[in-house]
């Protein structure tokens, strides 16, 4: 698929570069440190121990539709703070002994990205969402977190660490806490189950009418803008975007259908 102007408009790196040229981002950066007051034990947790804590957070704060209780997390943030402290001390790059294979690393990245996005909303007191470009730039690029004792933004975490692993299914599980995102699951991603979890999430996302709508009369398919943001991750010389989607569709979409994209909803996905 040829990248059109709309696709380029929404590409974060290009947008942020333009904003930096204009000088809008000066003085807007923020570093979120490892939460203070958390127990030193987080430094020595195993991934299984951390997964149990993340599971408790998801059970506490996420409903069956993937909506998040940000107000409840703000009132009782201790579990989330502890898990973010674990992320700050432990990651595949500085603790390879804890993450010995591809699936254990990817499961860590998915869980930690979602947890940091959740923590960022709570810590920064985000209300409403990220409707403006500047709001998105501040939250996803200019706010940095500690992952394995290194600073990184959510935008760089996704594009420089997670996407290079080459699995397009990550786009159906990474959650930036807004309505347009995939449903946030109520259980952690685990290395032993990761392929099944990613397959199930892809199937769910690409069969949900919020993300894929087929108009047979007009021969048009309307797709989540996630598939526009990251088109290059789904297509190659042998596979079109519709062909990739059809791998998970109950009812395949004719490949000659025209594609239109559903505007992304940047409002917080809150209970």
C-alpha atoms as a PDB file:
ATOM      1  CA  UNK A   1       0.000   0.000   0.000  1.00  0.00           C
ATOM      2  CA  UNK A   2       1.357   3.429  -0.929  1.00  0.00           C
ATOM      3  CA  UNK A   3       1.714   5.742   2.062  1.00  0.00           C
ATOM      4  CA  UNK A   4      -0.704   8.619   1.609  1.00  0.00           C
ATOM      5  CA  UNK A   5      -0.628  12.092   3.135  1.00  0.00           C
ATOM      6  CA  UNK A   6      -3.014  11.045   5.869  1.00  0.00           C
ATOM      7  CA  UNK A   7      -0.768   8.189   6.868  1.00  0.00           C
ATOM      8  CA  UNK A   8       2.260  10.461   6.980  1.00  0.00           C
ATOM      9  CA  UNK A   9       0.325  13.028   8.970  1.00  0.00           C
ATOM     10  CA  UNK A  10      -0.243  10.581  11.752  1.00  0.00           C
ATOM     11  CA  UNK A  11       3.232   9.102  11.855  1.00  0.00           C
ATOM     12  CA  UNK A  12       4.510  10.117  15.268  1.00  0.00           C
ATOM     13  CA  UNK A  13       8.162  10.596  14.451  1.00  0.00           C
ATOM     14  CA  UNK A  14       7.448  12.943  11.562  1.00  0.00           C
ATOM     15  CA  UNK A  15       4.971  14.897  13.621  1.00  0.00           C
ATOM     16  CA  UNK A  16       7.323  15.251  16.527  1.00  0.00           C
ATOM     17  CA  UNK A  17      10.173  16.318  14.271  1.00  0.00           C
ATOM     18  CA  UNK A  18       7.983  19.049  12.815  1.00  0.00           C
ATOM     19  CA  UNK A  19       7.000  20.210  16.284  1.00  0.00           C
ATOM     20  CA  UNK A  20      10.592  20.331  17.406  1.00  0.00           C
ATOM     21  CA  UNK A  21      11.481  22.488  14.403  1.00  0.00           C
ATOM     22  CA  UNK A  22       8.734  24.881  15.414  1.00  0.00           C
ATOM     23  CA  UNK A  23      10.035  25.003  18.954  1.00  0.00           C
ATOM     24  CA  UNK A  24       6.801  23.885  20.573  1.00  0.00           C
ATOM     25  CA  UNK A  25       8.443  21.173  22.637  1.00  0.00           C
ATOM     26  CA  UNK A  26      11.024  23.214  24.499  1.00  0.00           C
ATOM     27  CA  UNK A  27      10.625  22.905  28.233  1.00  0.00           C
ATOM     28  CA  UNK A  28       7.894  20.257  27.968  1.00  0.00           C
ATOM     29  CA  UNK A  29       9.921  17.139  28.757  1.00  0.00           C
ATOM     30  CA  UNK A  30       9.382  15.213  31.975  1.00  0.00           C
ATOM     31  CA  UNK A  31      11.224  12.282  33.572  1.00  0.00           C
ATOM     32  CA  UNK A  32       9.222   9.928  35.789  1.00  0.00           C
ATOM     33  CA  UNK A  33      11.617   8.382  38.284  1.00  0.00           C
ATOM     34  CA  UNK A  34      11.386   4.936  39.835  1.00  0.00           C
ATOM     35  CA  UNK A  35       8.666   5.354  42.488  1.00  0.00           C
ATOM     36  CA  UNK A  36      10.127   6.262  45.872  1.00  0.00           C
ATOM     37  CA  UNK A  37       9.165   4.478  49.037  1.00  0.00           C
ATOM     38  CA  UNK A  38       8.856   1.100  47.341  1.00  0.00           C
ATOM     39  CA  UNK A  39      10.530  -1.927  48.883  1.00  0.00           C
ATOM     40  CA  UNK A  40      14.037  -2.849  47.827  1.00  0.00           C
ATOM     41  CA  UNK A  41      12.716  -6.346  47.089  1.00  0.00           C
ATOM     42  CA  UNK A  42      11.585  -5.266  43.614  1.00  0.00           C
ATOM     43  CA  UNK A  43      15.213  -5.365  42.513  1.00  0.00           C
ATOM     44  CA  UNK A  44      15.374  -9.097  43.142  1.00  0.00           C
ATOM     45  CA  UNK A  45      11.956 -10.241  41.941  1.00  0.00           C
ATOM     46  CA  UNK A  46      11.670 -12.975  39.351  1.00  0.00           C
ATOM     47  CA  UNK A  47       9.392 -12.413  36.323  1.00  0.00           C
ATOM     48  CA  UNK A  48       6.877 -14.832  37.883  1.00  0.00           C
ATOM     49  CA  UNK A  49       6.684 -12.747  41.043  1.00  0.00           C
ATOM     50  CA  UNK A  50       6.258  -9.592  38.995  1.00  0.00           C
ATOM     51  CA  UNK A  51       3.583 -11.234  36.853  1.00  0.00           C
ATOM     52  CA  UNK A  52       1.581 -12.050  39.970  1.00  0.00           C
ATOM     53  CA  UNK A  53       1.623  -8.389  40.975  1.00  0.00           C
ATOM     54  CA  UNK A  54       0.674  -7.210  37.478  1.00  0.00           C
ATOM     55  CA  UNK A  55      -2.138  -9.789  37.483  1.00  0.00           C
ATOM     56  CA  UNK A  56      -3.445  -8.315  40.737  1.00  0.00           C
ATOM     57  CA  UNK A  57      -3.347  -4.808  39.242  1.00  0.00           C
ATOM     58  CA  UNK A  58      -5.243  -5.895  36.136  1.00  0.00           C
ATOM     59  CA  UNK A  59      -7.829  -7.719  38.233  1.00  0.00           C
ATOM     60  CA  UNK A  60      -8.250  -4.648  40.432  1.00  0.00           C
ATOM     61  CA  UNK A  61      -8.386  -1.973  37.766  1.00  0.00           C
ATOM     62  CA  UNK A  62      -9.537  -3.429  34.413  1.00  0.00           C
ATOM     63  CA  UNK A  63     -13.037  -4.629  33.550  1.00  0.00           C
ATOM     64  CA  UNK A  64     -14.057  -7.234  30.969  1.00  0.00           C
ATOM     65  CA  UNK A  65     -14.285  -4.568  28.257  1.00  0.00           C
ATOM     66  CA  UNK A  66     -10.751  -3.369  28.927  1.00  0.00           C
ATOM     67  CA  UNK A  67     -11.778  -0.113  30.588  1.00  0.00           C
ATOM     68  CA  UNK A  68      -9.455   1.132  33.333  1.00  0.00           C
ATOM     69  CA  UNK A  69     -10.376   2.439  36.779  1.00  0.00           C
ATOM     70  CA  UNK A  70      -7.912   5.317  36.834  1.00  0.00           C
ATOM     71  CA  UNK A  71      -9.657   6.972  39.774  1.00  0.00           C
ATOM     72  CA  UNK A  72      -9.293   3.815  41.859  1.00  0.00           C
ATOM     73  CA  UNK A  73      -5.632   3.462  40.877  1.00  0.00           C
ATOM     74  CA  UNK A  74      -4.972   7.073  41.872  1.00  0.00           C
ATOM     75  CA  UNK A  75      -6.480   6.414  45.314  1.00  0.00           C
ATOM     76  CA  UNK A  76      -4.618   3.125  45.816  1.00  0.00           C
ATOM     77  CA  UNK A  77      -1.484   3.153  43.624  1.00  0.00           C
ATOM     78  CA  UNK A  78       0.781   0.950  45.758  1.00  0.00           C
ATOM     79  CA  UNK A  79       0.672  -2.205  43.601  1.00  0.00           C
ATOM     80  CA  UNK A  80       1.190  -0.212  40.420  1.00  0.00           C
ATOM     81  CA  UNK A  81       4.052   1.771  41.956  1.00  0.00           C
ATOM     82  CA  UNK A  82       5.726  -1.464  43.050  1.00  0.00           C
ATOM     83  CA  UNK A  83       5.408  -3.002  39.593  1.00  0.00           C
ATOM     84  CA  UNK A  84       6.825   0.123  37.942  1.00  0.00           C
ATOM     85  CA  UNK A  85       9.731  -0.064  40.403  1.00  0.00           C
ATOM     86  CA  UNK A  86      10.365  -3.645  39.267  1.00  0.00           C
ATOM     87  CA  UNK A  87      10.411  -2.459  35.634  1.00  0.00           C
ATOM     88  CA  UNK A  88      12.830   0.297  36.566  1.00  0.00           C
ATOM     89  CA  UNK A  89      15.318  -2.179  37.995  1.00  0.00           C
ATOM     90  CA  UNK A  90      14.874  -5.180  35.678  1.00  0.00           C
ATOM     91  CA  UNK A  91      14.737  -5.524  31.892  1.00  0.00           C
ATOM     92  CA  UNK A  92      16.190  -7.871  29.253  1.00  0.00           C
ATOM     93  CA  UNK A  93      19.100  -5.545  28.483  1.00  0.00           C
ATOM     94  CA  UNK A  94      20.409  -5.404  32.066  1.00  0.00           C
ATOM     95  CA  UNK A  95      19.091  -8.726  33.436  1.00  0.00           C
ATOM     96  CA  UNK A  96      19.357 -11.207  30.539  1.00  0.00           C
ATOM     97  CA  UNK A  97      19.398 -14.029  33.099  1.00  0.00           C
ATOM     98  CA  UNK A  98      15.746 -13.278  33.899  1.00  0.00           C
ATOM     99  CA  UNK A  99      14.667 -13.231  30.243  1.00  0.00           C
ATOM    100  CA  UNK A 100      16.552 -16.015  28.451  1.00  0.00           C
ATOM    101  CA  UNK A 101      14.477 -16.337  25.265  1.00  0.00           C
ATOM    102  CA  UNK A 102      12.442 -14.369  22.749  1.00  0.00           C
ATOM    103  CA  UNK A 103       9.029 -15.045  24.285  1.00  0.00           C
ATOM    104  CA  UNK A 104      10.087 -14.111  27.808  1.00  0.00           C
ATOM    105  CA  UNK A 105      11.520 -10.835  26.516  1.00  0.00           C
ATOM    106  CA  UNK A 106       8.481  -9.979  24.421  1.00  0.00           C
ATOM    107  CA  UNK A 107       6.063 -10.814  27.249  1.00  0.00           C
ATOM    108  CA  UNK A 108       8.049  -8.483  29.516  1.00  0.00           C
ATOM    109  CA  UNK A 109       7.980  -5.688  26.932  1.00  0.00           C
ATOM    110  CA  UNK A 110       4.218  -5.946  26.401  1.00  0.00           C
ATOM    111  CA  UNK A 111       3.387  -6.008  30.097  1.00  0.00           C
ATOM    112  CA  UNK A 112       5.809  -3.233  30.970  1.00  0.00           C
ATOM    113  CA  UNK A 113       4.676  -0.941  28.142  1.00  0.00           C
ATOM    114  CA  UNK A 114       1.040  -1.278  29.209  1.00  0.00           C
ATOM    115  CA  UNK A 115       1.923  -0.757  32.877  1.00  0.00           C
ATOM    116  CA  UNK A 116       4.012   2.345  32.184  1.00  0.00           C
ATOM    117  CA  UNK A 117       1.243   3.869  30.069  1.00  0.00           C
ATOM    118  CA  UNK A 118      -1.212   3.176  32.894  1.00  0.00           C
ATOM    119  CA  UNK A 119       1.160   4.637  35.477  1.00  0.00           C
ATOM    120  CA  UNK A 120       1.799   7.692  33.330  1.00  0.00           C
ATOM    121  CA  UNK A 121      -1.906   8.515  33.173  1.00  0.00           C
ATOM    122  CA  UNK A 122      -2.210   8.173  36.959  1.00  0.00           C
ATOM    123  CA  UNK A 123       1.063   9.903  37.853  1.00  0.00           C
ATOM    124  CA  UNK A 124       0.521  12.852  35.522  1.00  0.00           C
ATOM    125  CA  UNK A 125      -3.178  13.188  36.350  1.00  0.00           C
ATOM    126  CA  UNK A 126      -4.251  12.954  32.710  1.00  0.00           C
ATOM    127  CA  UNK A 127      -7.912  13.833  32.224  1.00  0.00           C
ATOM    128  CA  UNK A 128      -9.987  13.271  29.126  1.00  0.00           C
ATOM    129  CA  UNK A 129      -7.271  11.964  26.844  1.00  0.00           C
ATOM    130  CA  UNK A 130      -4.835  13.112  24.186  1.00  0.00           C
ATOM    131  CA  UNK A 131      -6.974  14.922  21.647  1.00  0.00           C
ATOM    132  CA  UNK A 132      -4.328  17.450  20.623  1.00  0.00           C
ATOM    133  CA  UNK A 133      -1.077  16.647  18.881  1.00  0.00           C
ATOM    134  CA  UNK A 134       0.860  18.475  21.580  1.00  0.00           C
ATOM    135  CA  UNK A 135      -0.791  16.394  24.310  1.00  0.00           C
ATOM    136  CA  UNK A 136       0.249  13.216  22.515  1.00  0.00           C
ATOM    137  CA  UNK A 137       3.779  14.476  21.991  1.00  0.00           C
ATOM    138  CA  UNK A 138       4.147  15.365  25.670  1.00  0.00           C
ATOM    139  CA  UNK A 139       2.853  12.016  26.896  1.00  0.00           C
ATOM    140  CA  UNK A 140       4.341   9.566  24.404  1.00  0.00           C
ATOM    141  CA  UNK A 141       7.633  11.219  23.439  1.00  0.00           C
ATOM    142  CA  UNK A 142       8.599  13.833  25.988  1.00  0.00           C
ATOM    143  CA  UNK A 143       7.729  11.838  29.107  1.00  0.00           C
ATOM    144  CA  UNK A 144      10.389   9.255  29.923  1.00  0.00           C
ATOM    145  CA  UNK A 145      10.391   6.299  32.283  1.00  0.00           C
ATOM    146  CA  UNK A 146      13.108   4.081  33.744  1.00  0.00           C
ATOM    147  CA  UNK A 147      13.251   0.623  32.170  1.00  0.00           C
ATOM    148  CA  UNK A 148      16.103  -1.541  33.383  1.00  0.00           C
ATOM    149  CA  UNK A 149      17.915   1.552  34.734  1.00  0.00           C
ATOM    150  CA  UNK A 150      17.701   3.382  31.393  1.00  0.00           C
ATOM    151  CA  UNK A 151      15.465   6.293  30.453  1.00  0.00           C
ATOM    152  CA  UNK A 152      13.063   5.823  27.548  1.00  0.00           C
ATOM    153  CA  UNK A 153       9.780   7.271  26.271  1.00  0.00           C
ATOM    154  CA  UNK A 154       6.787   5.142  25.356  1.00  0.00           C
ATOM    155  CA  UNK A 155       7.185   6.137  21.714  1.00  0.00           C
ATOM    156  CA  UNK A 156      10.799   5.000  21.630  1.00  0.00           C
ATOM    157  CA  UNK A 157      10.004   1.905  23.636  1.00  0.00           C
ATOM    158  CA  UNK A 158       7.499   0.816  21.018  1.00  0.00           C
ATOM    159  CA  UNK A 159       9.445   1.822  17.908  1.00  0.00           C
ATOM    160  CA  UNK A 160      13.038   1.140  18.937  1.00  0.00           C
ATOM    161  CA  UNK A 161      12.640  -1.871  21.222  1.00  0.00           C
ATOM    162  CA  UNK A 162       9.358  -3.730  20.634  1.00  0.00           C
ATOM    163  CA  UNK A 163       8.597  -3.299  16.929  1.00  0.00           C
ATOM    164  CA  UNK A 164      12.101  -4.387  15.810  1.00  0.00           C
ATOM    165  CA  UNK A 165      11.288  -7.860  17.163  1.00  0.00           C
ATOM    166  CA  UNK A 166       9.230  -8.234  13.990  1.00  0.00           C
ATOM    167  CA  UNK A 167       5.879  -9.490  15.292  1.00  0.00           C
ATOM    168  CA  UNK A 168       3.004  -7.341  13.935  1.00  0.00           C
ATOM    169  CA  UNK A 169       0.599  -8.875  16.455  1.00  0.00           C
ATOM    170  CA  UNK A 170       2.021  -6.537  19.094  1.00  0.00           C
ATOM    171  CA  UNK A 171      -0.237  -3.821  17.671  1.00  0.00           C
ATOM    172  CA  UNK A 172      -3.264  -5.769  18.891  1.00  0.00           C
ATOM    173  CA  UNK A 173      -2.026  -5.879  22.487  1.00  0.00           C
ATOM    174  CA  UNK A 174      -0.003  -2.717  23.174  1.00  0.00           C
ATOM    175  CA  UNK A 175      -2.297  -0.349  25.009  1.00  0.00           C
ATOM    176  CA  UNK A 176      -1.882   3.424  25.313  1.00  0.00           C
ATOM    177  CA  UNK A 177      -4.952   3.665  27.587  1.00  0.00           C
ATOM    178  CA  UNK A 178      -7.309   5.294  25.066  1.00  0.00           C
ATOM    179  CA  UNK A 179     -10.525   4.108  23.436  1.00  0.00           C
ATOM    180  CA  UNK A 180      -8.903   3.500  20.042  1.00  0.00           C
ATOM    181  CA  UNK A 181      -6.450   0.988  21.514  1.00  0.00           C
ATOM    182  CA  UNK A 182      -6.972  -2.777  21.592  1.00  0.00           C
ATOM    183  CA  UNK A 183      -8.762  -4.151  24.647  1.00  0.00           C
ATOM    184  CA  UNK A 184      -6.477  -4.311  27.669  1.00  0.00           C
ATOM    185  CA  UNK A 185      -6.578  -7.926  28.896  1.00  0.00           C
ATOM    186  CA  UNK A 186      -7.256  -8.812  32.523  1.00  0.00           C
ATOM    187  CA  UNK A 187      -4.288 -11.183  32.700  1.00  0.00           C
ATOM    188  CA  UNK A 188      -0.556 -10.661  32.047  1.00  0.00           C
ATOM    189  CA  UNK A 189       1.223 -11.867  28.939  1.00  0.00           C
ATOM    190  CA  UNK A 190       3.303 -14.920  29.794  1.00  0.00           C
ATOM    191  CA  UNK A 191       6.127 -16.516  27.839  1.00  0.00           C
ATOM    192  CA  UNK A 192       4.642 -20.010  28.082  1.00  0.00           C
ATOM    193  CA  UNK A 193       1.349 -18.855  26.567  1.00  0.00           C
ATOM    194  CA  UNK A 194       2.451 -15.904  24.490  1.00  0.00           C
ATOM    195  CA  UNK A 195       1.768 -17.215  20.982  1.00  0.00           C
ATOM    196  CA  UNK A 196      -1.752 -18.269  21.938  1.00  0.00           C
ATOM    197  CA  UNK A 197      -2.387 -14.930  23.662  1.00  0.00           C
ATOM    198  CA  UNK A 198      -1.197 -12.967  20.620  1.00  0.00           C
ATOM    199  CA  UNK A 199      -3.254 -15.111  18.251  1.00  0.00           C
ATOM    200  CA  UNK A 200      -6.381 -14.674  20.368  1.00  0.00           C
ATOM    201  CA  UNK A 201      -5.858 -10.913  20.619  1.00  0.00           C
ATOM    202  CA  UNK A 202      -5.394 -10.621  16.851  1.00  0.00           C
ATOM    203  CA  UNK A 203      -8.521 -12.639  16.205  1.00  0.00           C
ATOM    204  CA  UNK A 204     -10.520 -10.543  18.676  1.00  0.00           C
ATOM    205  CA  UNK A 205      -9.278  -7.214  17.336  1.00  0.00           C
ATOM    206  CA  UNK A 206      -9.823  -7.989  13.653  1.00  0.00           C
ATOM    207  CA  UNK A 207     -13.325  -9.370  14.142  1.00  0.00           C
ATOM    208  CA  UNK A 208     -14.591  -6.542  16.327  1.00  0.00           C
ATOM    209  CA  UNK A 209     -16.861  -4.094  14.440  1.00  0.00           C
ATOM    210  CA  UNK A 210     -15.159  -1.172  16.148  1.00  0.00           C
ATOM    211  CA  UNK A 211     -11.973  -2.065  14.271  1.00  0.00           C
ATOM    212  CA  UNK A 212     -13.147  -3.660  11.014  1.00  0.00           C
ATOM    213  CA  UNK A 213     -16.395  -2.758   9.258  1.00  0.00           C
ATOM    214  CA  UNK A 214     -17.283  -4.153   5.851  1.00  0.00           C
ATOM    215  CA  UNK A 215     -19.654  -2.313   3.518  1.00  0.00           C
ATOM    216  CA  UNK A 216     -20.552  -4.900   0.888  1.00  0.00           C
ATOM    217  CA  UNK A 217     -22.785  -2.536  -1.051  1.00  0.00           C
ATOM    218  CA  UNK A 218     -20.015   0.018  -1.564  1.00  0.00           C
ATOM    219  CA  UNK A 219     -17.245  -2.596  -1.595  1.00  0.00           C
ATOM    220  CA  UNK A 220     -15.379  -0.709   1.106  1.00  0.00           C
ATOM    221  CA  UNK A 221     -13.761  -1.925   4.311  1.00  0.00           C
ATOM    222  CA  UNK A 222     -13.290   0.522   7.171  1.00  0.00           C
ATOM    223  CA  UNK A 223     -10.277  -0.311   9.340  1.00  0.00           C
ATOM    224  CA  UNK A 224      -8.904   0.864  12.659  1.00  0.00           C
ATOM    225  CA  UNK A 225      -6.323   3.548  12.112  1.00  0.00           C
ATOM    226  CA  UNK A 226      -3.827   1.310  13.914  1.00  0.00           C
ATOM    227  CA  UNK A 227      -3.607  -0.542  10.602  1.00  0.00           C
ATOM    228  CA  UNK A 228      -2.817   2.757   8.915  1.00  0.00           C
ATOM    229  CA  UNK A 229      -0.215   3.862  11.464  1.00  0.00           C
ATOM    230  CA  UNK A 230       1.765   0.640  11.045  1.00  0.00           C
ATOM    231  CA  UNK A 231       0.887  -0.572   7.564  1.00  0.00           C
ATOM    232  CA  UNK A 232       4.486  -1.516   6.801  1.00  0.00           C
ATOM    233  CA  UNK A 233       4.476  -4.021   9.673  1.00  0.00           C
ATOM    234  CA  UNK A 234       1.617  -5.995   8.098  1.00  0.00           C
ATOM    235  CA  UNK A 235       2.401  -5.962   4.384  1.00  0.00           C
ATOM    236  CA  UNK A 236       5.235  -7.074   2.145  1.00  0.00           C
ATOM    237  CA  UNK A 237       5.780  -7.953  -1.514  1.00  0.00           C
ATOM    238  CA  UNK A 238       3.623 -11.060  -1.151  1.00  0.00           C
ATOM    239  CA  UNK A 239       0.933  -9.901   1.263  1.00  0.00           C
ATOM    240  CA  UNK A 240      -1.551  -7.017   1.171  1.00  0.00           C
ATOM    241  CA  UNK A 241      -3.121  -5.454   4.225  1.00  0.00           C
ATOM    242  CA  UNK A 242      -6.437  -7.193   3.565  1.00  0.00           C
ATOM    243  CA  UNK A 243      -4.647 -10.519   3.102  1.00  0.00           C
ATOM    244  CA  UNK A 244      -3.064 -10.141   6.537  1.00  0.00           C
ATOM    245  CA  UNK A 245      -6.393  -9.265   8.132  1.00  0.00           C
ATOM    246  CA  UNK A 246      -8.064 -12.272   6.485  1.00  0.00           C
ATOM    247  CA  UNK A 247      -5.719 -14.589   8.374  1.00  0.00           C
ATOM    248  CA  UNK A 248      -7.858 -13.838  11.449  1.00  0.00           C
ATOM    249  CA  UNK A 249     -11.275 -13.028  10.005  1.00  0.00           C
ATOM    250  CA  UNK A 250     -14.316 -15.250  10.475  1.00  0.00           C
ATOM    251  CA  UNK A 251     -15.563 -13.940   7.132  1.00  0.00           C
ATOM    252  CA  UNK A 252     -12.764 -12.993   4.701  1.00  0.00           C
ATOM    253  CA  UNK A 253     -12.780  -9.570   3.063  1.00  0.00           C
ATOM    254  CA  UNK A 254     -12.525  -9.503  -0.747  1.00  0.00           C
ATOM    255  CA  UNK A 255      -9.075  -8.206  -1.604  1.00  0.00           C
ATOM    256  CA  UNK A 256     -10.378  -5.811  -4.249  1.00  0.00           C
ATOM    257  CA  UNK A 257     -12.361  -3.811  -1.670  1.00  0.00           C
ATOM    258  CA  UNK A 258     -11.318  -0.205  -1.134  1.00  0.00           C
ATOM    259  CA  UNK A 259      -9.814   0.637   2.254  1.00  0.00           C
ATOM    260  CA  UNK A 260     -10.820   3.585   4.412  1.00  0.00           C
ATOM    261  CA  UNK A 261      -9.608   4.217   7.950  1.00  0.00           C
ATOM    262  CA  UNK A 262     -11.671   4.903  11.043  1.00  0.00           C
ATOM    263  CA  UNK A 263     -10.439   8.027  12.899  1.00  0.00           C
ATOM    264  CA  UNK A 264      -8.546   7.091  16.047  1.00  0.00           C
ATOM    265  CA  UNK A 265     -10.252   7.821  19.369  1.00  0.00           C
ATOM    266  CA  UNK A 266      -7.740   9.415  21.757  1.00  0.00           C
ATOM    267  CA  UNK A 267     -10.114   9.709  24.737  1.00  0.00           C
ATOM    268  CA  UNK A 268      -9.103   7.828  27.879  1.00  0.00           C
ATOM    269  CA  UNK A 269     -10.635   4.362  28.055  1.00  0.00           C
ATOM    270  CA  UNK A 270     -11.812   4.790  31.624  1.00  0.00           C
ATOM    271  CA  UNK A 271     -14.559   3.210  33.670  1.00  0.00           C
END
